[in-house]
Amino acid sequence: MFNDIGALELVTLVVLAVLVFGPDKLPKVIQDVTRTIRKIREFSDSAKQDIRQELGPEFKDFEFEDLNPKTFLRKQLDNDELGLKEIRNGFDLKKEMAEVTDAVHGRDTEPSSSGSSSSGSGSGRVDMSKKPETPGKTDKPADDRPPFDMDAT
């Protein structure tokens, strides 16, 4: 419960409690706080038992921690009935994104041994470095972007 409180914070809390409540009332305040925490835990446990009884025998192994999305996903990925580990290990997102980026920028990602990648080798890749020829239009430099249209956005 207090895993992230260090020694310095704990000493500060004790000194602050002594200053606020005084050394005479501090033991009574600590007893009241522990009694309240105990009642809250009992209430929580009885509420969990009531919910489990209402759900029926199908949910006898139901844990409320499973409602946390991280816990649910971890449990499902560890179960691996669907073969998700093979899919996850076989898919390299960084490599795929690098290939898409290279294709957009017109760089050839695969070292081609037969010369040009657009020579009809059947690889299915489009050479983005060559611009389509349009009759009657002059070629623009590669760095020139089209004009910004405010009405289009």
N, C-alpha and C. Protein backbone atom coordinates (compact mmCIF):
# COMPACT_ATOMS: atom_id res chain seq x y z
N MET A 1 0.82 -1.18 0.00
CA MET A 1 0.00 0.00 0.00
C MET A 1 0.86 1.25 0.00
N PHE A 2 1.92 1.24 0.80
CA PHE A 2 2.79 2.40 0.87
C PHE A 2 4.16 2.07 0.28
N ASN A 3 4.18 1.43 -0.87
CA ASN A 3 5.44 1.00 -1.47
C ASN A 3 6.28 2.17 -1.97
N ASP A 4 5.66 3.27 -2.33
CA ASP A 4 6.41 4.37 -2.90
C ASP A 4 6.76 5.45 -1.89
N ILE A 5 6.52 5.23 -0.62
CA ILE A 5 6.88 6.20 0.41
C ILE A 5 8.24 5.82 0.96
N GLY A 6 9.17 6.76 0.90
CA GLY A 6 10.52 6.53 1.40
C GLY A 6 10.62 6.84 2.88
N ALA A 7 11.82 6.65 3.42
CA ALA A 7 12.05 6.87 4.85
C ALA A 7 11.88 8.34 5.22
N LEU A 8 12.36 9.23 4.37
CA LEU A 8 12.25 10.66 4.66
C LEU A 8 10.80 11.12 4.69
N GLU A 9 9.99 10.62 3.74
CA GLU A 9 8.56 10.97 3.74
C GLU A 9 7.86 10.43 4.97
N LEU A 10 8.22 9.22 5.39
CA LEU A 10 7.60 8.62 6.57
C LEU A 10 7.93 9.41 7.83
N VAL A 11 9.18 9.80 7.98
CA VAL A 11 9.58 10.61 9.14
C VAL A 11 8.86 11.95 9.11
N THR A 12 8.74 12.55 7.94
CA THR A 12 8.02 13.82 7.81
C THR A 12 6.57 13.67 8.23
N LEU A 13 5.90 12.59 7.81
CA LEU A 13 4.51 12.36 8.19
C LEU A 13 4.36 12.17 9.70
N VAL A 14 5.29 11.45 10.32
CA VAL A 14 5.23 11.23 11.77
C VAL A 14 5.40 12.55 12.50
N VAL A 15 6.39 13.35 12.11
CA VAL A 15 6.61 14.64 12.76
C VAL A 15 5.40 15.55 12.57
N LEU A 16 4.84 15.56 11.37
CA LEU A 16 3.66 16.38 11.09
C LEU A 16 2.46 15.92 11.93
N ALA A 17 2.29 14.60 12.06
CA ALA A 17 1.18 14.08 12.88
C ALA A 17 1.36 14.46 14.35
N VAL A 18 2.58 14.40 14.86
CA VAL A 18 2.83 14.78 16.25
C VAL A 18 2.53 16.27 16.44
N LEU A 19 2.93 17.09 15.47
CA LEU A 19 2.69 18.52 15.59
C LEU A 19 1.20 18.86 15.50
N VAL A 20 0.47 18.17 14.62
CA VAL A 20 -0.96 18.49 14.43
C VAL A 20 -1.81 17.96 15.57
N PHE A 21 -1.62 16.68 15.93
CA PHE A 21 -2.48 16.07 16.93
C PHE A 21 -1.92 16.14 18.35
N GLY A 22 -0.64 16.26 18.46
CA GLY A 22 -0.02 16.29 19.79
C GLY A 22 0.31 14.89 20.26
N PRO A 23 1.28 14.76 21.15
CA PRO A 23 1.68 13.43 21.60
C PRO A 23 0.61 12.75 22.46
N ASP A 24 -0.32 13.51 23.04
CA ASP A 24 -1.35 12.91 23.89
C ASP A 24 -2.44 12.23 23.06
N LYS A 25 -2.87 12.86 21.98
CA LYS A 25 -3.99 12.35 21.17
C LYS A 25 -3.54 11.43 20.03
N LEU A 26 -2.25 11.39 19.73
CA LEU A 26 -1.77 10.62 18.58
C LEU A 26 -2.10 9.12 18.66
N PRO A 27 -1.93 8.42 19.80
CA PRO A 27 -2.29 6.99 19.84
C PRO A 27 -3.77 6.75 19.55
N LYS A 28 -4.65 7.61 20.07
CA LYS A 28 -6.09 7.45 19.81
C LYS A 28 -6.40 7.66 18.33
N VAL A 29 -5.76 8.64 17.68
CA VAL A 29 -5.98 8.90 16.25
C VAL A 29 -5.51 7.72 15.43
N ILE A 30 -4.36 7.13 15.77
CA ILE A 30 -3.85 5.97 15.05
C ILE A 30 -4.81 4.79 15.18
N GLN A 31 -5.37 4.56 16.38
CA GLN A 31 -6.34 3.49 16.56
C GLN A 31 -7.59 3.73 15.73
N ASP A 32 -8.07 4.96 15.69
CA ASP A 32 -9.26 5.28 14.90
C ASP A 32 -9.02 5.07 13.41
N VAL A 33 -7.86 5.46 12.95
CA VAL A 33 -7.54 5.29 11.52
C VAL A 33 -7.43 3.81 11.17
N THR A 34 -6.74 3.02 11.99
CA THR A 34 -6.63 1.59 11.69
C THR A 34 -7.98 0.90 11.76
N ARG A 35 -8.85 1.30 12.71
CA ARG A 35 -10.19 0.73 12.80
C ARG A 35 -11.00 1.06 11.54
N THR A 36 -10.88 2.28 11.06
CA THR A 36 -11.60 2.68 9.85
C THR A 36 -11.11 1.91 8.62
N ILE A 37 -9.81 1.75 8.51
CA ILE A 37 -9.26 0.99 7.38
C ILE A 37 -9.72 -0.47 7.44
N ARG A 38 -9.76 -1.04 8.64
CA ARG A 38 -10.22 -2.43 8.80
C ARG A 38 -11.68 -2.57 8.38
N LYS A 39 -12.53 -1.59 8.75
CA LYS A 39 -13.95 -1.64 8.38
C LYS A 39 -14.12 -1.51 6.87
N ILE A 40 -13.32 -0.66 6.25
CA ILE A 40 -13.41 -0.50 4.79
C ILE A 40 -13.02 -1.79 4.10
N ARG A 41 -11.98 -2.46 4.58
CA ARG A 41 -11.57 -3.75 3.99
C ARG A 41 -12.66 -4.80 4.16
N GLU A 42 -13.26 -4.87 5.34
CA GLU A 42 -14.34 -5.84 5.57
C GLU A 42 -15.52 -5.56 4.65
N PHE A 43 -15.87 -4.29 4.49
CA PHE A 43 -16.97 -3.92 3.61
C PHE A 43 -16.65 -4.31 2.17
N SER A 44 -15.43 -4.07 1.73
CA SER A 44 -15.02 -4.42 0.37
C SER A 44 -15.06 -5.94 0.15
N ASP A 45 -14.56 -6.69 1.13
CA ASP A 45 -14.58 -8.16 1.00
C ASP A 45 -16.00 -8.70 0.97
N SER A 46 -16.88 -8.15 1.80
CA SER A 46 -18.27 -8.63 1.78
C SER A 46 -18.97 -8.26 0.48
N ALA A 47 -18.65 -7.10 -0.08
CA ALA A 47 -19.24 -6.71 -1.36
C ALA A 47 -18.76 -7.64 -2.47
N LYS A 48 -17.49 -8.02 -2.45
CA LYS A 48 -16.96 -8.96 -3.44
C LYS A 48 -17.64 -10.31 -3.32
N GLN A 49 -17.84 -10.79 -2.08
CA GLN A 49 -18.51 -12.07 -1.87
C GLN A 49 -19.95 -12.02 -2.38
N ASP A 50 -20.63 -10.92 -2.11
CA ASP A 50 -22.01 -10.79 -2.59
C ASP A 50 -22.08 -10.80 -4.12
N ILE A 51 -21.15 -10.14 -4.76
CA ILE A 51 -21.14 -10.12 -6.23
C ILE A 51 -20.85 -11.50 -6.78
N ARG A 52 -19.91 -12.23 -6.16
CA ARG A 52 -19.61 -13.58 -6.62
C ARG A 52 -20.81 -14.51 -6.45
N GLN A 53 -21.56 -14.35 -5.35
CA GLN A 53 -22.74 -15.18 -5.13
C GLN A 53 -23.82 -14.85 -6.15
N GLU A 54 -23.97 -13.59 -6.48
CA GLU A 54 -25.00 -13.18 -7.44
C GLU A 54 -24.66 -13.63 -8.86
N LEU A 55 -23.36 -13.69 -9.19
CA LEU A 55 -22.97 -14.10 -10.53
C LEU A 55 -23.20 -15.59 -10.76
N GLY A 56 -23.10 -16.38 -9.74
CA GLY A 56 -23.37 -17.80 -9.88
C GLY A 56 -22.09 -18.62 -9.93
N PRO A 57 -22.26 -19.95 -10.09
CA PRO A 57 -21.10 -20.84 -10.04
C PRO A 57 -20.18 -20.73 -11.26
N GLU A 58 -20.68 -20.14 -12.38
CA GLU A 58 -19.84 -20.02 -13.56
C GLU A 58 -18.67 -19.07 -13.31
N PHE A 59 -18.85 -18.13 -12.39
CA PHE A 59 -17.84 -17.11 -12.13
C PHE A 59 -17.19 -17.29 -10.76
N LYS A 60 -17.05 -18.53 -10.31
CA LYS A 60 -16.48 -18.75 -8.99
C LYS A 60 -14.99 -18.40 -8.94
N ASP A 61 -14.29 -18.48 -10.08
CA ASP A 61 -12.88 -18.12 -10.10
C ASP A 61 -12.65 -16.70 -10.63
N PHE A 62 -13.70 -15.89 -10.64
CA PHE A 62 -13.62 -14.51 -11.12
C PHE A 62 -12.82 -13.66 -10.14
N GLU A 63 -11.87 -12.91 -10.66
CA GLU A 63 -11.06 -12.01 -9.84
C GLU A 63 -11.32 -10.58 -10.30
N PHE A 64 -11.50 -9.69 -9.37
CA PHE A 64 -11.78 -8.30 -9.71
C PHE A 64 -10.57 -7.61 -10.31
N GLU A 65 -9.38 -8.13 -10.06
CA GLU A 65 -8.17 -7.58 -10.67
C GLU A 65 -8.17 -7.80 -12.18
N ASP A 66 -8.95 -8.79 -12.66
CA ASP A 66 -9.04 -9.04 -14.10
C ASP A 66 -9.76 -7.93 -14.84
N LEU A 67 -10.47 -7.07 -14.11
CA LEU A 67 -11.15 -5.96 -14.76
C LEU A 67 -10.18 -4.86 -15.17
N ASN A 68 -8.97 -4.89 -14.64
CA ASN A 68 -7.94 -3.95 -15.06
C ASN A 68 -7.50 -4.36 -16.47
N PRO A 69 -7.54 -3.45 -17.44
CA PRO A 69 -7.20 -3.83 -18.82
C PRO A 69 -5.79 -4.39 -18.97
N LYS A 70 -4.82 -3.87 -18.25
CA LYS A 70 -3.45 -4.39 -18.36
C LYS A 70 -3.38 -5.84 -17.88
N THR A 71 -4.03 -6.12 -16.76
CA THR A 71 -4.03 -7.48 -16.23
C THR A 71 -4.75 -8.43 -17.17
N PHE A 72 -5.87 -7.98 -17.73
CA PHE A 72 -6.64 -8.81 -18.66
C PHE A 72 -5.80 -9.15 -19.89
N LEU A 73 -5.14 -8.15 -20.48
CA LEU A 73 -4.32 -8.41 -21.66
C LEU A 73 -3.15 -9.32 -21.35
N ARG A 74 -2.50 -9.09 -20.21
CA ARG A 74 -1.36 -9.93 -19.85
C ARG A 74 -1.81 -11.38 -19.69
N LYS A 75 -2.96 -11.58 -19.08
CA LYS A 75 -3.47 -12.93 -18.88
C LYS A 75 -3.81 -13.60 -20.22
N GLN A 76 -4.42 -12.83 -21.13
CA GLN A 76 -4.80 -13.38 -22.42
C GLN A 76 -3.57 -13.68 -23.29
N LEU A 77 -2.56 -12.82 -23.23
CA LEU A 77 -1.36 -13.06 -24.03
C LEU A 77 -0.55 -14.22 -23.48
N ASP A 78 -0.57 -14.42 -22.16
CA ASP A 78 0.12 -15.57 -21.59
C ASP A 78 -0.60 -16.87 -21.89
N ASN A 79 -1.93 -16.79 -22.05
CA ASN A 79 -2.73 -17.97 -22.35
C ASN A 79 -2.36 -18.52 -23.72
N ASP A 80 -2.28 -17.65 -24.73
CA ASP A 80 -1.84 -17.96 -26.09
C ASP A 80 -2.60 -19.10 -26.75
N GLU A 81 -3.91 -19.13 -26.58
CA GLU A 81 -4.72 -20.12 -27.29
C GLU A 81 -4.84 -19.79 -28.77
N LEU A 82 -4.76 -18.52 -29.11
CA LEU A 82 -4.95 -18.09 -30.48
C LEU A 82 -3.66 -18.00 -31.27
N GLY A 83 -2.53 -18.27 -30.67
CA GLY A 83 -1.25 -18.16 -31.36
C GLY A 83 -0.80 -16.72 -31.54
N LEU A 84 -1.13 -15.87 -30.59
CA LEU A 84 -0.79 -14.46 -30.71
C LEU A 84 0.71 -14.20 -30.60
N LYS A 85 1.42 -15.05 -29.87
CA LYS A 85 2.86 -14.84 -29.74
C LYS A 85 3.56 -15.00 -31.09
N GLU A 86 3.13 -15.96 -31.89
CA GLU A 86 3.73 -16.15 -33.21
C GLU A 86 3.47 -14.95 -34.10
N ILE A 87 2.26 -14.43 -34.04
CA ILE A 87 1.93 -13.25 -34.85
C ILE A 87 2.73 -12.05 -34.38
N ARG A 88 2.80 -11.85 -33.08
CA ARG A 88 3.51 -10.71 -32.53
C ARG A 88 5.00 -10.79 -32.83
N ASN A 89 5.60 -11.97 -32.75
CA ASN A 89 7.02 -12.12 -33.02
C ASN A 89 7.33 -12.05 -34.51
N GLY A 90 6.39 -12.42 -35.36
CA GLY A 90 6.61 -12.42 -36.80
C GLY A 90 6.39 -11.07 -37.45
N PHE A 91 5.91 -10.10 -36.72
CA PHE A 91 5.61 -8.79 -37.28
C PHE A 91 6.56 -7.76 -36.68
N ASP A 92 7.38 -7.19 -37.53
CA ASP A 92 8.33 -6.17 -37.09
C ASP A 92 7.83 -4.81 -37.56
N LEU A 93 7.22 -4.07 -36.66
CA LEU A 93 6.60 -2.80 -37.01
C LEU A 93 7.63 -1.78 -37.48
N LYS A 94 8.79 -1.75 -36.86
CA LYS A 94 9.82 -0.79 -37.26
C LYS A 94 10.28 -1.06 -38.69
N LYS A 95 10.45 -2.32 -39.03
CA LYS A 95 10.90 -2.67 -40.38
C LYS A 95 9.83 -2.29 -41.41
N GLU A 96 8.58 -2.59 -41.09
CA GLU A 96 7.49 -2.26 -42.01
C GLU A 96 7.37 -0.75 -42.21
N MET A 97 7.47 0.01 -41.13
CA MET A 97 7.38 1.47 -41.25
C MET A 97 8.56 2.03 -42.03
N ALA A 98 9.75 1.45 -41.86
CA ALA A 98 10.91 1.92 -42.61
C ALA A 98 10.72 1.65 -44.10
N GLU A 99 10.14 0.51 -44.44
CA GLU A 99 9.89 0.20 -45.85
C GLU A 99 8.87 1.16 -46.45
N VAL A 100 7.83 1.48 -45.71
CA VAL A 100 6.82 2.42 -46.20
C VAL A 100 7.43 3.80 -46.37
N THR A 101 8.22 4.23 -45.40
CA THR A 101 8.87 5.54 -45.48
C THR A 101 9.81 5.61 -46.67
N ASP A 102 10.58 4.55 -46.88
CA ASP A 102 11.49 4.53 -48.02
C ASP A 102 10.72 4.55 -49.34
N ALA A 103 9.61 3.86 -49.40
CA ALA A 103 8.81 3.85 -50.62
C ALA A 103 8.23 5.23 -50.90
N VAL A 104 7.80 5.92 -49.86
CA VAL A 104 7.24 7.26 -50.04
C VAL A 104 8.31 8.24 -50.49
N HIS A 105 9.51 8.13 -49.92
CA HIS A 105 10.58 9.05 -50.27
C HIS A 105 11.32 8.64 -51.53
N GLY A 106 10.95 7.52 -52.10
CA GLY A 106 11.54 7.11 -53.38
C GLY A 106 12.86 6.40 -53.25
N ARG A 107 13.20 5.92 -52.08
CA ARG A 107 14.44 5.18 -51.91
C ARG A 107 14.15 3.71 -52.11
N ASP A 108 15.10 3.01 -52.66
CA ASP A 108 14.96 1.58 -52.89
C ASP A 108 15.40 0.85 -51.64
N THR A 109 14.49 0.10 -50.99
CA THR A 109 14.83 -0.59 -49.75
C THR A 109 15.49 -1.93 -50.00
N GLU A 110 15.16 -2.58 -51.09
CA GLU A 110 15.74 -3.88 -51.39
C GLU A 110 16.91 -3.71 -52.34
N PRO A 111 18.05 -4.28 -52.03
CA PRO A 111 19.17 -4.18 -52.97
C PRO A 111 18.83 -4.96 -54.23
N SER A 112 18.75 -4.29 -55.35
CA SER A 112 18.36 -4.95 -56.59
C SER A 112 19.59 -5.42 -57.33
N SER A 113 19.61 -6.68 -57.67
CA SER A 113 20.76 -7.25 -58.36
C SER A 113 20.59 -7.19 -59.86
N SER A 114 19.38 -6.92 -60.36
CA SER A 114 19.14 -6.91 -61.80
C SER A 114 19.02 -5.50 -62.34
N GLY A 115 19.68 -4.53 -61.75
CA GLY A 115 19.67 -3.18 -62.29
C GLY A 115 18.60 -2.34 -61.64
N SER A 116 17.64 -1.89 -62.42
CA SER A 116 16.60 -0.98 -61.93
C SER A 116 15.44 -1.76 -61.34
N SER A 117 14.81 -1.18 -60.31
CA SER A 117 13.69 -1.87 -59.68
C SER A 117 12.41 -1.71 -60.47
N SER A 118 12.38 -0.79 -61.43
CA SER A 118 11.15 -0.58 -62.22
C SER A 118 11.27 -1.20 -63.60
N SER A 119 12.16 -2.16 -63.79
CA SER A 119 12.36 -2.76 -65.10
C SER A 119 11.40 -3.91 -65.35
N GLY A 120 10.32 -3.99 -64.57
CA GLY A 120 9.32 -5.02 -64.80
C GLY A 120 9.70 -6.33 -64.17
N SER A 121 10.34 -6.30 -63.03
CA SER A 121 10.77 -7.54 -62.38
C SER A 121 9.62 -8.22 -61.67
N GLY A 122 8.45 -7.55 -61.57
CA GLY A 122 7.30 -8.18 -60.95
C GLY A 122 7.34 -8.14 -59.45
N SER A 123 8.09 -7.23 -58.86
CA SER A 123 8.19 -7.18 -57.41
C SER A 123 6.98 -6.53 -56.78
N GLY A 124 6.16 -5.80 -57.56
CA GLY A 124 4.98 -5.17 -57.02
C GLY A 124 5.26 -3.82 -56.40
N ARG A 125 6.49 -3.38 -56.44
CA ARG A 125 6.85 -2.09 -55.87
C ARG A 125 6.72 -1.01 -56.94
N VAL A 126 6.35 0.16 -56.47
CA VAL A 126 6.24 1.30 -57.37
C VAL A 126 7.44 2.18 -57.15
N ASP A 127 8.10 2.56 -58.23
CA ASP A 127 9.25 3.44 -58.13
C ASP A 127 8.74 4.86 -58.02
N MET A 128 8.88 5.44 -56.82
CA MET A 128 8.36 6.78 -56.56
C MET A 128 9.34 7.85 -57.01
N SER A 129 10.56 7.47 -57.42
CA SER A 129 11.54 8.47 -57.81
C SER A 129 11.24 9.02 -59.19
N LYS A 130 10.54 8.26 -60.03
CA LYS A 130 10.18 8.75 -61.36
C LYS A 130 8.81 9.37 -61.30
N LYS A 131 8.70 10.55 -61.89
CA LYS A 131 7.41 11.23 -61.93
C LYS A 131 6.67 10.82 -63.19
N PRO A 132 5.36 10.72 -63.11
CA PRO A 132 4.61 10.40 -64.31
C PRO A 132 4.67 11.57 -65.28
N GLU A 133 4.79 11.22 -66.53
CA GLU A 133 4.90 12.26 -67.55
C GLU A 133 3.50 12.72 -67.95
N THR A 134 3.28 14.00 -67.85
CA THR A 134 2.01 14.59 -68.24
C THR A 134 2.27 15.50 -69.42
N PRO A 135 1.58 15.29 -70.54
CA PRO A 135 1.85 16.12 -71.71
C PRO A 135 1.40 17.56 -71.46
N GLY A 136 2.24 18.51 -71.90
CA GLY A 136 1.90 19.92 -71.81
C GLY A 136 2.30 20.57 -70.50
N LYS A 137 2.83 19.84 -69.54
CA LYS A 137 3.24 20.42 -68.26
C LYS A 137 4.74 20.33 -68.13
N THR A 138 5.30 21.35 -67.51
CA THR A 138 6.74 21.33 -67.29
C THR A 138 7.03 20.60 -65.99
N ASP A 139 8.21 19.99 -65.93
CA ASP A 139 8.60 19.27 -64.72
C ASP A 139 9.00 20.26 -63.65
N LYS A 140 8.54 20.03 -62.44
CA LYS A 140 8.89 20.86 -61.29
C LYS A 140 10.06 20.20 -60.58
N PRO A 141 10.84 20.97 -59.86
CA PRO A 141 11.90 20.35 -59.04
C PRO A 141 11.29 19.43 -57.99
N ALA A 142 12.05 18.44 -57.54
CA ALA A 142 11.54 17.43 -56.60
C ALA A 142 11.19 18.04 -55.25
N ASP A 143 11.84 19.12 -54.84
CA ASP A 143 11.59 19.72 -53.53
C ASP A 143 10.43 20.69 -53.54
N ASP A 144 9.93 21.07 -54.71
CA ASP A 144 8.85 22.05 -54.80
C ASP A 144 7.53 21.39 -54.42
N ARG A 145 6.85 21.97 -53.44
CA ARG A 145 5.58 21.43 -53.00
C ARG A 145 4.44 22.18 -53.70
N PRO A 146 3.29 21.55 -53.82
CA PRO A 146 2.16 22.24 -54.45
C PRO A 146 1.69 23.38 -53.56
N PRO A 147 1.02 24.37 -54.12
CA PRO A 147 0.59 25.50 -53.33
C PRO A 147 -0.44 25.07 -52.29
N PHE A 148 -0.45 25.79 -51.17
CA PHE A 148 -1.36 25.49 -50.07
C PHE A 148 -2.72 26.10 -50.37
N ASP A 149 -3.76 25.30 -50.28
CA ASP A 149 -5.11 25.75 -50.58
C ASP A 149 -5.90 25.80 -49.28
N MET A 150 -6.26 26.99 -48.82
CA MET A 150 -6.99 27.16 -47.57
C MET A 150 -8.40 26.57 -47.65
N ASP A 151 -9.01 26.63 -48.83
CA ASP A 151 -10.37 26.12 -48.97
C ASP A 151 -10.42 24.60 -48.92
N ALA A 152 -9.32 23.94 -49.25
CA ALA A 152 -9.30 22.48 -49.28
C ALA A 152 -9.16 21.88 -47.88
N THR A 153 -8.66 22.68 -46.95
CA THR A 153 -8.43 22.11 -45.63
C THR A 153 -9.55 22.28 -44.71
